[in-house]
Amino acid sequence: MDLRALDYFIAIYESGSLSAASKLKYVAQPSISASLKQLEQSLSSTLFIRHARGVKATSAGDQLYPLAKQLLGQAAAIGELFTDK
């Protein structure tokens, strides 16, 4: 599982749309969409229901969100631990 995909997932979850997440992460929207599709395939779960005005998390997305936040927080802590200050 790719940490970047989880980062994009969190941005989508918190912003409620792929286009808003792409602006937040300074990444083209097709890249965000492809990353989400790959994450959904690797988990064999649909994480969002797409609507004309954005997305709504499925129960799988709601379950993944706190775990993804925790995992990325831990990854950041590891980076900070080994960064020269």
C-alpha atoms as a PDB file:
ATOM      1  CA  MET A   1       0.000   0.000   0.000  1.00  0.00           C
ATOM      2  CA  ASP A   2       1.313   3.397  -1.026  1.00  0.00           C
ATOM      3  CA  LEU A   3       1.478   6.166   1.603  1.00  0.00           C
ATOM      4  CA  ARG A   4       0.909   8.758  -1.104  1.00  0.00           C
ATOM      5  CA  ALA A   5      -2.352   7.046  -2.056  1.00  0.00           C
ATOM      6  CA  LEU A   6      -3.436   7.193   1.578  1.00  0.00           C
ATOM      7  CA  ASP A   7      -2.500  10.871   1.700  1.00  0.00           C
ATOM      8  CA  TYR A   8      -4.655  11.527  -1.365  1.00  0.00           C
ATOM      9  CA  PHE A   9      -7.466   9.433   0.160  1.00  0.00           C
ATOM     10  CA  ILE A  10      -7.400  11.625   3.284  1.00  0.00           C
ATOM     11  CA  ALA A  11      -7.475  14.784   1.161  1.00  0.00           C
ATOM     12  CA  ILE A  12     -10.470  13.467  -0.780  1.00  0.00           C
ATOM     13  CA  TYR A  13     -12.227  12.399   2.414  1.00  0.00           C
ATOM     14  CA  GLU A  14     -11.691  15.737   4.144  1.00  0.00           C
ATOM     15  CA  SER A  15     -12.465  17.946   1.141  1.00  0.00           C
ATOM     16  CA  GLY A  16     -15.369  15.914  -0.239  1.00  0.00           C
ATOM     17  CA  SER A  17     -14.196  16.055  -3.836  1.00  0.00           C
ATOM     18  CA  LEU A  18     -11.429  14.846  -6.092  1.00  0.00           C
ATOM     19  CA  SER A  19     -10.927  18.274  -7.682  1.00  0.00           C
ATOM     20  CA  ALA A  20     -10.608  19.975  -4.277  1.00  0.00           C
ATOM     21  CA  ALA A  21      -8.140  17.291  -3.171  1.00  0.00           C
ATOM     22  CA  SER A  22      -6.083  17.796  -6.326  1.00  0.00           C
ATOM     23  CA  LYS A  23      -5.855  21.540  -5.633  1.00  0.00           C
ATOM     24  CA  LEU A  24      -4.975  20.905  -1.997  1.00  0.00           C
ATOM     25  CA  LYS A  25      -2.189  18.482  -2.952  1.00  0.00           C
ATOM     26  CA  TYR A  26      -1.034  20.403  -6.064  1.00  0.00           C
ATOM     27  CA  VAL A  27      -1.550  17.288  -8.195  1.00  0.00           C
ATOM     28  CA  ALA A  28      -3.528  16.899 -11.405  1.00  0.00           C
ATOM     29  CA  GLN A  29      -7.029  15.546 -10.821  1.00  0.00           C
ATOM     30  CA  PRO A  30      -6.497  12.499 -13.084  1.00  0.00           C
ATOM     31  CA  SER A  31      -3.542  11.495 -10.887  1.00  0.00           C
ATOM     32  CA  ILE A  32      -5.707  11.723  -7.755  1.00  0.00           C
ATOM     33  CA  SER A  33      -8.420   9.702  -9.471  1.00  0.00           C
ATOM     34  CA  ALA A  34      -5.978   7.022 -10.660  1.00  0.00           C
ATOM     35  CA  SER A  35      -4.429   6.772  -7.203  1.00  0.00           C
ATOM     36  CA  LEU A  36      -7.860   6.334  -5.617  1.00  0.00           C
ATOM     37  CA  LYS A  37      -8.807   3.685  -8.160  1.00  0.00           C
ATOM     38  CA  GLN A  38      -5.596   1.769  -7.458  1.00  0.00           C
ATOM     39  CA  LEU A  39      -6.169   2.005  -3.690  1.00  0.00           C
ATOM     40  CA  GLU A  40      -9.747   0.763  -4.080  1.00  0.00           C
ATOM     41  CA  GLN A  41      -8.531  -2.152  -6.192  1.00  0.00           C
ATOM     42  CA  SER A  42      -5.818  -3.096  -3.719  1.00  0.00           C
ATOM     43  CA  LEU A  43      -8.349  -3.076  -0.869  1.00  0.00           C
ATOM     44  CA  SER A  44     -11.110  -4.686  -2.960  1.00  0.00           C
ATOM     45  CA  SER A  45     -13.478  -2.025  -1.644  1.00  0.00           C
ATOM     46  CA  THR A  46     -15.238   1.046  -2.940  1.00  0.00           C
ATOM     47  CA  LEU A  47     -14.195   3.931  -0.719  1.00  0.00           C
ATOM     48  CA  PHE A  48     -16.373   6.695  -2.146  1.00  0.00           C
ATOM     49  CA  ILE A  49     -19.663   7.070  -3.952  1.00  0.00           C
ATOM     50  CA  ARG A  50     -19.178   9.616  -6.712  1.00  0.00           C
ATOM     51  CA  HIS A  51     -21.831  12.326  -7.183  1.00  0.00           C
ATOM     52  CA  ALA A  52     -22.065  15.258  -9.556  1.00  0.00           C
ATOM     53  CA  ARG A  53     -20.985  17.608  -6.758  1.00  0.00           C
ATOM     54  CA  GLY A  54     -18.277  15.514  -5.142  1.00  0.00           C
ATOM     55  CA  VAL A  55     -17.950  12.250  -3.281  1.00  0.00           C
ATOM     56  CA  LYS A  56     -19.378  10.640  -0.161  1.00  0.00           C
ATOM     57  CA  ALA A  57     -17.425   8.072   1.794  1.00  0.00           C
ATOM     58  CA  THR A  58     -18.760   4.542   1.973  1.00  0.00           C
ATOM     59  CA  SER A  59     -18.621   2.600   5.222  1.00  0.00           C
ATOM     60  CA  ALA A  60     -15.281   1.185   4.036  1.00  0.00           C
ATOM     61  CA  GLY A  61     -14.010   4.733   3.514  1.00  0.00           C
ATOM     62  CA  ASP A  62     -15.207   5.721   6.978  1.00  0.00           C
ATOM     63  CA  GLN A  63     -13.354   2.734   8.446  1.00  0.00           C
ATOM     64  CA  LEU A  64     -10.158   3.475   6.540  1.00  0.00           C
ATOM     65  CA  TYR A  65      -9.998   7.193   7.384  1.00  0.00           C
ATOM     66  CA  PRO A  66      -8.866   7.022  11.048  1.00  0.00           C
ATOM     67  CA  LEU A  67      -6.414   4.215  10.269  1.00  0.00           C
ATOM     68  CA  ALA A  68      -4.930   6.155   7.351  1.00  0.00           C
ATOM     69  CA  LYS A  69      -4.590   9.289   9.524  1.00  0.00           C
ATOM     70  CA  GLN A  70      -2.844   7.257  12.219  1.00  0.00           C
ATOM     71  CA  LEU A  71      -0.512   5.533   9.766  1.00  0.00           C
ATOM     72  CA  LEU A  72       0.524   8.771   8.060  1.00  0.00           C
ATOM     73  CA  GLY A  73       1.040  10.388  11.452  1.00  0.00           C
ATOM     74  CA  GLN A  74       3.339   7.558  12.449  1.00  0.00           C
ATOM     75  CA  ALA A  75       5.228   7.790   9.146  1.00  0.00           C
ATOM     76  CA  ALA A  76       5.731  11.523   9.734  1.00  0.00           C
ATOM     77  CA  ALA A  77       6.972  10.834  13.267  1.00  0.00           C
ATOM     78  CA  ILE A  78       9.528   8.372  11.924  1.00  0.00           C
ATOM     79  CA  GLY A  79      10.753  10.971   9.432  1.00  0.00           C
ATOM     80  CA  GLU A  80      11.055  13.608  12.158  1.00  0.00           C
ATOM     81  CA  LEU A  81      12.892  11.215  14.453  1.00  0.00           C
ATOM     82  CA  PHE A  82      15.658  10.646  11.920  1.00  0.00           C
ATOM     83  CA  THR A  83      15.899  14.147  10.487  1.00  0.00           C
ATOM     84  CA  ASP A  84      18.855  16.220  11.588  1.00  0.00           C
ATOM     85  CA  LYS A  85      17.722  19.255  13.487  1.00  0.00           C
END
